[in-house]
Amino acid sequence: MCLVPFFVKSTKQLYGQTAESLVLILSVLGKSNMSQLAILYLSLVARKTDPETCDALFQKMKQLYEIGIIIPYPSDFRCHASNIFTEIFFNHKCDSNDIDVVLNTAFLEVLLRDQIIAEVASDYIDPQVGPIILNTLSHFYDTSNNCEITSLHSGPISIDQIKKSFNKKPPPNIEAYINLLHNSEVVFLLSFNLR
């Protein structure tokens, strides 16, 4: 079993060191589906909720992309979702309807393909975004045996929970991970159990 966590926090706080720490954490996951989905979700929500304050994060992500640490989307995402992501990632364009499109295509394709058990714990950035995620996942759970929502809960994430998310030695920047979680409001966290 391998637990791979990522999270999304309030875009209004994505400045300076906070943005750098978040990108560092994402880069630890490398070119995995998890980092791509985290970036995708961040891109959608950041652009929708507070476009003026997400520029620093986009620039850092683009730098990591250019040197090959992260890639914008998996090659087998549906074409429409990939095109949306490309537009958001490079041109900062986002239509509110795109959130539904991406969550119902690229996001769930990866859940289905990799047979991921999703655990959702959150307070939400946008009251319209959270229910979309939960409703989509719930609908998906009802129609497929490949994805199971093991728990839905809200509240603070403890340091023990974070450390337990790594079944092997934690990454070298685990302290930055913990500090970021505890020094700012955490609004969305997914822990994926890859079977």
Foldseek 3Di string as FASTA:
>chain_A
DAKDKAFDAALVPCDDPLLVLNVVSLLVVFADQVSLVNVQVNLAVCLVQPVVRCVVNLVVVVVCVVVRSYPNHDPPFPPVLVVQSVCSSPVVDYDNCSLLVNCLTRVVVVCQVQLKEKEKEFAANDPVNVVSNVVSLVVVCVVDPSYHHPYYYYDQDDLVNLVVSGPDDDPPCSVSVVCSSPVHPTGIMIIIDGD
